[in-house]
PDB file of N, CA and C in Angstrom:
ATOM      1  N   MET A   1      24.750  -0.459  -4.755  1.00  0.00           N
ATOM      2  CA  MET A   1      24.430  -0.577  -3.380  1.00  0.00           C
ATOM      3  C   MET A   1      23.732   0.718  -2.901  1.00  0.00           C
ATOM      4  N   THR A   2      24.312   1.954  -3.148  1.00  0.00           N
ATOM      5  CA  THR A   2      23.864   3.251  -2.725  1.00  0.00           C
ATOM      6  C   THR A   2      22.735   3.448  -3.714  1.00  0.00           C
ATOM      7  N   GLU A   3      22.678   2.995  -4.834  1.00  0.00           N
ATOM      8  CA  GLU A   3      21.106   3.185  -5.589  1.00  0.00           C
ATOM      9  C   GLU A   3      19.878   2.711  -4.832  1.00  0.00           C
ATOM     10  N   TYR A   4      20.147   1.526  -4.197  1.00  0.00           N
ATOM     11  CA  TYR A   4      19.048   1.022  -3.161  1.00  0.00           C
ATOM     12  C   TYR A   4      18.621   1.876  -2.235  1.00  0.00           C
ATOM     13  N   PHE A   5      19.947   2.403  -1.400  1.00  0.00           N
ATOM     14  CA  PHE A   5      19.698   3.404  -0.309  1.00  0.00           C
ATOM     15  C   PHE A   5      18.911   4.673  -1.052  1.00  0.00           C
ATOM     16  N   LEU A   6      19.337   5.137  -2.055  1.00  0.00           N
ATOM     17  CA  LEU A   6      18.521   6.286  -2.701  1.00  0.00           C
ATOM     18  C   LEU A   6      17.196   5.920  -2.988  1.00  0.00           C
ATOM     19  N   GLN A   7      16.835   4.846  -3.594  1.00  0.00           N
ATOM     20  CA  GLN A   7      15.413   4.606  -3.634  1.00  0.00           C
ATOM     21  C   GLN A   7      14.620   4.508  -2.655  1.00  0.00           C
ATOM     22  N   ALA A   8      15.171   3.686  -1.723  1.00  0.00           N
ATOM     23  CA  ALA A   8      14.501   3.615  -0.324  1.00  0.00           C
ATOM     24  C   ALA A   8      14.227   4.736   0.173  1.00  0.00           C
ATOM     25  N   PHE A   9      15.539   5.796   0.180  1.00  0.00           N
ATOM     26  CA  PHE A   9      15.027   7.188   0.829  1.00  0.00           C
ATOM     27  C   PHE A   9      13.947   7.783  -0.003  1.00  0.00           C
ATOM     28  N   VAL A  10      13.998   7.744  -1.321  1.00  0.00           N
ATOM     29  CA  VAL A  10      12.752   8.432  -2.055  1.00  0.00           C
ATOM     30  C   VAL A  10      11.261   7.839  -1.513  1.00  0.00           C
ATOM     31  N   TYR A  11      11.409   6.498  -1.454  1.00  0.00           N
ATOM     32  CA  TYR A  11      10.113   6.006  -1.018  1.00  0.00           C
ATOM     33  C   TYR A  11       9.718   6.369   0.410  1.00  0.00           C
ATOM     34  N   LEU A  12      10.524   6.370   1.308  1.00  0.00           N
ATOM     35  CA  LEU A  12      10.314   6.970   2.679  1.00  0.00           C
ATOM     36  C   LEU A  12       9.957   8.375   2.696  1.00  0.00           C
ATOM     37  N   ILE A  13      10.513   9.223   1.930  1.00  0.00           N
ATOM     38  CA  ILE A  13      10.215  10.673   1.891  1.00  0.00           C
ATOM     39  C   ILE A  13       8.757  10.937   1.249  1.00  0.00           C
ATOM     40  N   ALA A  14       8.748  10.200   0.267  1.00  0.00           N
ATOM     41  CA  ALA A  14       7.338  10.104  -0.436  1.00  0.00           C
ATOM     42  C   ALA A  14       6.187   9.623   0.650  1.00  0.00           C
ATOM     43  N   ALA A  15       6.469   8.660   1.398  1.00  0.00           N
ATOM     44  CA  ALA A  15       5.281   8.214   2.535  1.00  0.00           C
ATOM     45  C   ALA A  15       5.189   9.203   3.454  1.00  0.00           C
ATOM     46  N   VAL A  16       6.299   9.755   4.125  1.00  0.00           N
ATOM     47  CA  VAL A  16       6.174  10.870   5.046  1.00  0.00           C
ATOM     48  C   VAL A  16       5.492  12.003   4.736  1.00  0.00           C
ATOM     49  N   ILE A  17       5.622  12.433   3.285  1.00  0.00           N
ATOM     50  CA  ILE A  17       4.788  13.562   2.982  1.00  0.00           C
ATOM     51  C   ILE A  17       3.282  12.976   2.524  1.00  0.00           C
ATOM     52  N   ALA A  18       3.083  12.109   1.882  1.00  0.00           N
ATOM     53  CA  ALA A  18       1.731  11.614   1.294  1.00  0.00           C
ATOM     54  C   ALA A  18       0.872  11.114   2.582  1.00  0.00           C
ATOM     55  N   VAL A  19       1.137  10.389   3.419  1.00  0.00           N
ATOM     56  CA  VAL A  19       0.315   9.887   4.600  1.00  0.00           C
ATOM     57  C   VAL A  19      -0.311  10.848   5.409  1.00  0.00           C
ATOM     58  N   PRO A  20       0.670  11.899   5.968  1.00  0.00           N
ATOM     59  CA  PRO A  20      -0.107  12.916   6.689  1.00  0.00           C
ATOM     60  C   PRO A  20      -1.253  13.788   5.704  1.00  0.00           C
ATOM     61  N   ILE A  21      -1.081  14.006   4.410  1.00  0.00           N
ATOM     62  CA  ILE A  21      -1.909  14.665   3.605  1.00  0.00           C
ATOM     63  C   ILE A  21      -3.027  13.763   3.576  1.00  0.00           C
ATOM     64  N   ALA A  22      -2.849  12.658   3.194  1.00  0.00           N
ATOM     65  CA  ALA A  22      -4.066  11.718   3.068  1.00  0.00           C
ATOM     66  C   ALA A  22      -4.916  11.685   4.461  1.00  0.00           C
ATOM     67  N   LYS A  23      -4.312  11.661   5.546  1.00  0.00           N
ATOM     68  CA  LYS A  23      -5.044  11.484   6.876  1.00  0.00           C
ATOM     69  C   LYS A  23      -5.673  12.793   7.021  1.00  0.00           C
ATOM     70  N   ARG A  24      -5.087  13.987   6.713  1.00  0.00           N
ATOM     71  CA  ARG A  24      -5.778  15.184   6.978  1.00  0.00           C
ATOM     72  C   ARG A  24      -7.002  15.430   5.800  1.00  0.00           C
ATOM     73  N   LEU A  25      -7.038  14.632   4.810  1.00  0.00           N
ATOM     74  CA  LEU A  25      -8.182  14.719   3.962  1.00  0.00           C
ATOM     75  C   LEU A  25      -9.240  13.587   4.102  1.00  0.00           C
ATOM     76  N   GLY A  26      -8.933  13.063   5.307  1.00  0.00           N
ATOM     77  CA  GLY A  26      -9.979  11.837   5.820  1.00  0.00           C
ATOM     78  C   GLY A  26      -9.649  10.747   5.115  1.00  0.00           C
ATOM     79  N   LEU A  27      -8.782  10.281   4.297  1.00  0.00           N
ATOM     80  CA  LEU A  27      -8.431   8.958   3.815  1.00  0.00           C
ATOM     81  C   LEU A  27      -7.745   8.172   4.751  1.00  0.00           C
ATOM     82  N   GLY A  28      -7.313   7.009   4.448  1.00  0.00           N
ATOM     83  CA  GLY A  28      -6.617   6.037   5.266  1.00  0.00           C
ATOM     84  C   GLY A  28      -5.206   6.005   4.894  1.00  0.00           C
ATOM     85  N   SER A  29      -4.300   5.539   5.801  1.00  0.00           N
ATOM     86  CA  SER A  29      -2.908   5.707   5.447  1.00  0.00           C
ATOM     87  C   SER A  29      -2.361   4.788   4.258  1.00  0.00           C
ATOM     88  N   VAL A  30      -3.228   3.522   4.170  1.00  0.00           N
ATOM     89  CA  VAL A  30      -2.662   2.818   3.059  1.00  0.00           C
ATOM     90  C   VAL A  30      -3.058   3.437   1.741  1.00  0.00           C
ATOM     91  N   LEU A  31      -4.145   4.247   1.498  1.00  0.00           N
ATOM     92  CA  LEU A  31      -4.229   5.074   0.477  1.00  0.00           C
ATOM     93  C   LEU A  31      -3.227   6.060   0.287  1.00  0.00           C
ATOM     94  N   GLY A  32      -2.918   6.668   1.332  1.00  0.00           N
ATOM     95  CA  GLY A  32      -1.549   7.515   1.094  1.00  0.00           C
ATOM     96  C   GLY A  32      -0.323   7.075   0.670  1.00  0.00           C
ATOM     97  N   TYR A  33      -0.011   5.836   1.061  1.00  0.00           N
ATOM     98  CA  TYR A  33       1.010   4.896   0.560  1.00  0.00           C
ATOM     99  C   TYR A  33       0.951   4.661  -1.161  1.00  0.00           C
ATOM    100  N   LEU A  34      -0.325   4.313  -1.193  1.00  0.00           N
ATOM    101  CA  LEU A  34      -0.680   3.853  -2.933  1.00  0.00           C
ATOM    102  C   LEU A  34      -0.454   5.228  -3.650  1.00  0.00           C
ATOM    103  N   ILE A  35      -0.991   6.369  -3.095  1.00  0.00           N
ATOM    104  CA  ILE A  35      -0.787   7.748  -3.786  1.00  0.00           C
ATOM    105  C   ILE A  35       0.736   8.300  -3.981  1.00  0.00           C
ATOM    106  N   ALA A  36       1.368   7.947  -2.756  1.00  0.00           N
ATOM    107  CA  ALA A  36       2.758   8.204  -3.077  1.00  0.00           C
ATOM    108  C   ALA A  36       3.601   7.287  -3.979  1.00  0.00           C
ATOM    109  N   GLY A  37       3.353   6.266  -4.154  1.00  0.00           N
ATOM    110  CA  GLY A  37       3.837   5.121  -5.105  1.00  0.00           C
ATOM    111  C   GLY A  37       3.496   5.635  -6.512  1.00  0.00           C
ATOM    112  N   VAL A  38       2.287   6.185  -6.758  1.00  0.00           N
ATOM    113  CA  VAL A  38       1.812   6.404  -7.972  1.00  0.00           C
ATOM    114  C   VAL A  38       2.668   7.714  -8.406  1.00  0.00           C
ATOM    115  N   VAL A  39       2.814   8.611  -7.433  1.00  0.00           N
ATOM    116  CA  VAL A  39       3.271   9.825  -7.906  1.00  0.00           C
ATOM    117  C   VAL A  39       4.828   9.650  -8.226  1.00  0.00           C
ATOM    118  N   ILE A  40       5.424   9.106  -7.263  1.00  0.00           N
ATOM    119  CA  ILE A  40       7.054   9.119  -7.573  1.00  0.00           C
ATOM    120  C   ILE A  40       7.233   8.043  -8.788  1.00  0.00           C
ATOM    121  N   GLY A  41       6.437   7.023  -9.088  1.00  0.00           N
ATOM    122  CA  GLY A  41       6.616   6.031 -10.050  1.00  0.00           C
ATOM    123  C   GLY A  41       6.414   6.577 -11.369  1.00  0.00           C
ATOM    124  N   PRO A  42       5.105   6.356 -12.109  1.00  0.00           N
ATOM    125  CA  PRO A  42       4.671   6.733 -13.328  1.00  0.00           C
ATOM    126  C   PRO A  42       4.559   8.341 -13.611  1.00  0.00           C
ATOM    127  N   ILE A  43       4.435   9.210 -12.656  1.00  0.00           N
ATOM    128  CA  ILE A  43       4.079  10.484 -12.775  1.00  0.00           C
ATOM    129  C   ILE A  43       5.231  11.319 -12.739  1.00  0.00           C
ATOM    130  N   ILE A  44       6.000  11.305 -11.736  1.00  0.00           N
ATOM    131  CA  ILE A  44       7.136  12.101 -11.700  1.00  0.00           C
ATOM    132  C   ILE A  44       8.527  11.341 -12.385  1.00  0.00           C
ATOM    133  N   GLY A  45       8.586  10.037 -12.421  1.00  0.00           N
ATOM    134  CA  GLY A  45       9.691   9.052 -12.706  1.00  0.00           C
ATOM    135  C   GLY A  45      10.705   9.213 -12.013  1.00  0.00           C
ATOM    136  N   LEU A  46      10.794   9.283 -10.631  1.00  0.00           N
ATOM    137  CA  LEU A  46      12.017   9.219  -9.892  1.00  0.00           C
ATOM    138  C   LEU A  46      12.593   7.760  -9.576  1.00  0.00           C
ATOM    139  N   VAL A  47      11.589   6.854  -9.546  1.00  0.00           N
ATOM    140  CA  VAL A  47      11.934   5.586  -9.559  1.00  0.00           C
ATOM    141  C   VAL A  47      11.120   4.593 -10.538  1.00  0.00           C
ATOM    142  N   GLY A  48      11.651   3.544 -10.878  1.00  0.00           N
ATOM    143  CA  GLY A  48      10.934   2.715 -11.875  1.00  0.00           C
ATOM    144  C   GLY A  48      11.668   2.286 -12.853  1.00  0.00           C
ATOM    145  N   GLU A  49      12.913   2.869 -13.042  1.00  0.00           N
ATOM    146  CA  GLU A  49      13.555   2.273 -14.250  1.00  0.00           C
ATOM    147  C   GLU A  49      13.892   0.654 -14.436  1.00  0.00           C
ATOM    148  N   GLU A  50      14.250   0.367 -13.245  1.00  0.00           N
ATOM    149  CA  GLU A  50      14.655  -1.150 -12.934  1.00  0.00           C
ATOM    150  C   GLU A  50      13.419  -1.982 -12.368  1.00  0.00           C
ATOM    151  N   THR A  51      12.681  -2.590 -13.064  1.00  0.00           N
ATOM    152  CA  THR A  51      11.600  -3.300 -12.564  1.00  0.00           C
ATOM    153  C   THR A  51      11.908  -4.428 -11.948  1.00  0.00           C
ATOM    154  N   THR A  52      12.996  -5.186 -12.077  1.00  0.00           N
ATOM    155  CA  THR A  52      13.312  -6.217 -11.365  1.00  0.00           C
ATOM    156  C   THR A  52      13.919  -5.978 -10.154  1.00  0.00           C
ATOM    157  N   ALA A  53      14.616  -4.854  -9.983  1.00  0.00           N
ATOM    158  CA  ALA A  53      15.140  -4.272  -8.391  1.00  0.00           C
ATOM    159  C   ALA A  53      13.985  -3.854  -7.587  1.00  0.00           C
ATOM    160  N   ILE A  54      12.998  -3.128  -8.283  1.00  0.00           N
ATOM    161  CA  ILE A  54      11.783  -2.541  -7.540  1.00  0.00           C
ATOM    162  C   ILE A  54      10.778  -3.722  -7.317  1.00  0.00           C
ATOM    163  N   GLN A  55      10.751  -4.632  -7.845  1.00  0.00           N
ATOM    164  CA  GLN A  55       9.664  -5.751  -7.730  1.00  0.00           C
ATOM    165  C   GLN A  55       9.844  -6.199  -6.223  1.00  0.00           C
ATOM    166  N   HIS A  56      11.276  -6.245  -5.663  1.00  0.00           N
ATOM    167  CA  HIS A  56      11.248  -6.971  -4.298  1.00  0.00           C
ATOM    168  C   HIS A  56      10.660  -5.867  -3.153  1.00  0.00           C
ATOM    169  N   PHE A  57      10.844  -4.443  -3.459  1.00  0.00           N
ATOM    170  CA  PHE A  57      10.362  -3.347  -2.748  1.00  0.00           C
ATOM    171  C   PHE A  57       8.673  -3.561  -2.908  1.00  0.00           C
ATOM    172  N   ALA A  58       8.254  -3.861  -4.231  1.00  0.00           N
ATOM    173  CA  ALA A  58       6.856  -3.753  -4.270  1.00  0.00           C
ATOM    174  C   ALA A  58       6.102  -4.988  -3.521  1.00  0.00           C
ATOM    175  N   GLU A  59       6.901  -6.198  -3.645  1.00  0.00           N
ATOM    176  CA  GLU A  59       6.491  -7.204  -2.819  1.00  0.00           C
ATOM    177  C   GLU A  59       6.333  -7.231  -1.259  1.00  0.00           C
ATOM    178  N   PHE A  60       7.248  -6.446  -0.831  1.00  0.00           N
ATOM    179  CA  PHE A  60       7.126  -6.017   0.620  1.00  0.00           C
ATOM    180  C   PHE A  60       6.129  -5.430   0.767  1.00  0.00           C
ATOM    181  N   GLY A  61       5.767  -4.273   0.050  1.00  0.00           N
ATOM    182  CA  GLY A  61       4.778  -3.283   0.266  1.00  0.00           C
ATOM    183  C   GLY A  61       3.483  -4.050   0.181  1.00  0.00           C
ATOM    184  N   VAL A  62       3.171  -4.955  -0.672  1.00  0.00           N
ATOM    185  CA  VAL A  62       1.971  -5.751  -0.605  1.00  0.00           C
ATOM    186  C   VAL A  62       1.663  -6.254   0.555  1.00  0.00           C
ATOM    187  N   VAL A  63       2.797  -7.244   1.010  1.00  0.00           N
ATOM    188  CA  VAL A  63       2.915  -7.828   2.314  1.00  0.00           C
ATOM    189  C   VAL A  63       2.484  -6.902   3.558  1.00  0.00           C
ATOM    190  N   MET A  64       3.233  -5.803   3.405  1.00  0.00           N
ATOM    191  CA  MET A  64       2.699  -4.941   4.594  1.00  0.00           C
ATOM    192  C   MET A  64       1.245  -4.116   4.586  1.00  0.00           C
ATOM    193  N   MET A  65       0.861  -4.016   3.216  1.00  0.00           N
ATOM    194  CA  MET A  65      -0.640  -3.664   2.989  1.00  0.00           C
ATOM    195  C   MET A  65      -1.311  -4.677   3.542  1.00  0.00           C
ATOM    196  N   LEU A  66      -1.383  -5.819   3.216  1.00  0.00           N
ATOM    197  CA  LEU A  66      -2.105  -7.042   3.678  1.00  0.00           C
ATOM    198  C   LEU A  66      -1.966  -7.087   5.350  1.00  0.00           C
ATOM    199  N   PHE A  67      -0.993  -6.937   5.825  1.00  0.00           N
ATOM    200  CA  PHE A  67      -0.836  -6.833   7.131  1.00  0.00           C
ATOM    201  C   PHE A  67      -1.737  -5.920   7.936  1.00  0.00           C
ATOM    202  N   LEU A  68      -1.787  -4.614   7.389  1.00  0.00           N
ATOM    203  CA  LEU A  68      -2.404  -3.560   7.982  1.00  0.00           C
ATOM    204  C   LEU A  68      -3.787  -3.714   7.719  1.00  0.00           C
ATOM    205  N   VAL A  69      -4.391  -4.227   6.538  1.00  0.00           N
ATOM    206  CA  VAL A  69      -5.675  -4.625   6.317  1.00  0.00           C
ATOM    207  C   VAL A  69      -6.094  -5.819   7.382  1.00  0.00           C
ATOM    208  N   GLY A  70      -5.280  -6.477   7.676  1.00  0.00           N
ATOM    209  CA  GLY A  70      -5.536  -7.635   8.554  1.00  0.00           C
ATOM    210  C   GLY A  70      -5.671  -7.031   9.992  1.00  0.00           C
ATOM    211  N   LEU A  71      -5.094  -6.193  10.432  1.00  0.00           N
ATOM    212  CA  LEU A  71      -5.018  -5.325  11.606  1.00  0.00           C
ATOM    213  C   LEU A  71      -6.475  -4.788  11.854  1.00  0.00           C
ATOM    214  N   GLU A  72      -6.704  -4.226  10.611  1.00  0.00           N
ATOM    215  CA  GLU A  72      -8.116  -3.112  10.794  1.00  0.00           C
ATOM    216  C   GLU A  72      -9.333  -4.163  10.831  1.00  0.00           C
ATOM    217  N   LEU A  73      -9.110  -5.247  10.461  1.00  0.00           N
ATOM    218  CA  LEU A  73     -10.446  -6.141  10.446  1.00  0.00           C
ATOM    219  C   LEU A  73     -11.110  -6.670  11.820  1.00  0.00           C
ATOM    220  N   GLU A  74     -12.086  -6.705  12.179  1.00  0.00           N
ATOM    221  CA  GLU A  74     -12.540  -7.108  13.442  1.00  0.00           C
ATOM    222  C   GLU A  74     -13.117  -8.462  13.500  1.00  0.00           C
ATOM    223  N   PRO A  75     -12.622  -9.506  13.845  1.00  0.00           N
ATOM    224  CA  PRO A  75     -13.384 -10.854  13.960  1.00  0.00           C
ATOM    225  C   PRO A  75     -14.642 -10.921  14.061  1.00  0.00           C
ATOM    226  N   LYS A  76     -15.302 -10.073  15.128  1.00  0.00           N
ATOM    227  CA  LYS A  76     -16.681 -10.163  15.342  1.00  0.00           C
ATOM    228  C   LYS A  76     -17.395  -9.666  14.107  1.00  0.00           C
ATOM    229  N   MET A  77     -16.764  -8.698  13.380  1.00  0.00           N
ATOM    230  CA  MET A  77     -17.660  -8.102  12.246  1.00  0.00           C
ATOM    231  C   MET A  77     -17.530  -9.114  10.871  1.00  0.00           C
ATOM    232  N   LEU A  78     -16.289  -9.646  11.197  1.00  0.00           N
ATOM    233  CA  LEU A  78     -16.160 -10.599   9.747  1.00  0.00           C
ATOM    234  C   LEU A  78     -17.074 -11.940  10.139  1.00  0.00           C
ATOM    235  N   TRP A  79     -17.125 -12.329  11.413  1.00  0.00           N
ATOM    236  CA  TRP A  79     -18.149 -13.503  11.821  1.00  0.00           C
ATOM    237  C   TRP A  79     -19.628 -13.069  11.264  1.00  0.00           C
ATOM    238  N   GLY A  80     -19.962 -11.880  11.536  1.00  0.00           N
ATOM    239  CA  GLY A  80     -21.318 -11.437  11.346  1.00  0.00           C
ATOM    240  C   GLY A  80     -21.635 -11.256  10.034  1.00  0.00           C
ATOM    241  N   MET A  81     -20.376 -11.077   9.008  1.00  0.00           N
ATOM    242  CA  MET A  81     -20.576 -11.174   7.649  1.00  0.00           C
ATOM    243  C   MET A  81     -20.424 -12.337   6.862  1.00  0.00           C
ATOM    244  N   ARG A  82     -20.301 -13.594   7.656  1.00  0.00           N
ATOM    245  CA  ARG A  82     -19.951 -14.784   7.161  1.00  0.00           C
ATOM    246  C   ARG A  82     -21.058 -15.245   6.206  1.00  0.00           C
ATOM    247  N   HIS A  83     -22.193 -15.108   6.347  1.00  0.00           N
ATOM    248  CA  HIS A  83     -23.338 -15.503   5.521  1.00  0.00           C
ATOM    249  C   HIS A  83     -23.137 -14.825   4.160  1.00  0.00           C
ATOM    250  N   LYS A  84     -23.080 -13.600   4.306  1.00  0.00           N
ATOM    251  CA  LYS A  84     -22.864 -12.910   3.056  1.00  0.00           C
ATOM    252  C   LYS A  84     -21.839 -13.064   2.413  1.00  0.00           C
ATOM    253  N   LEU A  85     -20.577 -13.123   2.841  1.00  0.00           N
ATOM    254  CA  LEU A  85     -19.301 -13.663   2.354  1.00  0.00           C
ATOM    255  C   LEU A  85     -19.319 -14.856   1.628  1.00  0.00           C
ATOM    256  N   ILE A  86     -20.012 -15.985   2.303  1.00  0.00           N
ATOM    257  CA  ILE A  86     -20.031 -17.252   1.660  1.00  0.00           C
ATOM    258  C   ILE A  86     -21.154 -17.501   0.588  1.00  0.00           C
ATOM    259  N   GLY A  87     -22.195 -16.749   0.754  1.00  0.00           N
ATOM    260  CA  GLY A  87     -23.257 -16.820  -0.337  1.00  0.00           C
ATOM    261  C   GLY A  87     -22.681 -15.915  -1.571  1.00  0.00           C
ATOM    262  N   LEU A  88     -22.133 -14.683  -1.356  1.00  0.00           N
ATOM    263  CA  LEU A  88     -21.736 -14.106  -2.513  1.00  0.00           C
ATOM    264  C   LEU A  88     -20.600 -14.625  -3.178  1.00  0.00           C
ATOM    265  N   GLY A  89     -19.765 -15.267  -2.360  1.00  0.00           N
ATOM    266  CA  GLY A  89     -18.381 -16.038  -2.898  1.00  0.00           C
ATOM    267  C   GLY A  89     -18.903 -17.061  -3.724  1.00  0.00           C
ATOM    268  N   GLY A  90     -19.885 -17.825  -3.642  1.00  0.00           N
ATOM    269  CA  GLY A  90     -20.325 -18.934  -4.473  1.00  0.00           C
ATOM    270  C   GLY A  90     -21.188 -18.364  -5.609  1.00  0.00           C
ATOM    271  N   PHE A  91     -21.637 -17.271  -5.543  1.00  0.00           N
ATOM    272  CA  PHE A  91     -22.572 -16.869  -6.586  1.00  0.00           C
ATOM    273  C   PHE A  91     -21.858 -16.618  -7.910  1.00  0.00           C
ATOM    274  N   ARG A  92     -20.511 -16.608  -8.037  1.00  0.00           N
ATOM    275  CA  ARG A  92     -19.680 -16.228  -9.278  1.00  0.00           C
ATOM    276  C   ARG A  92     -20.065 -17.285 -10.395  1.00  0.00           C
TER     277      ARG A  92
END
């Protein structure tokens, strides 16, 4: 159980460090979270040994990322792009 808390602590610390840096560089907060995940996972190797345990955190992260993207979308803008979206979606 303490291993989960340690991994969650590493994730939170990485997010607290990476998101303000990404914001200062003019990038979005979601991109800061992605950069933090890449750095602590494959590059440094702090987390990522147990893929089944980390999968739950990753799924939660994807849900939160989709929630943030949904908050940033404006319905008026989406309605204005409906012809392009429907047309290009069927073009495949």
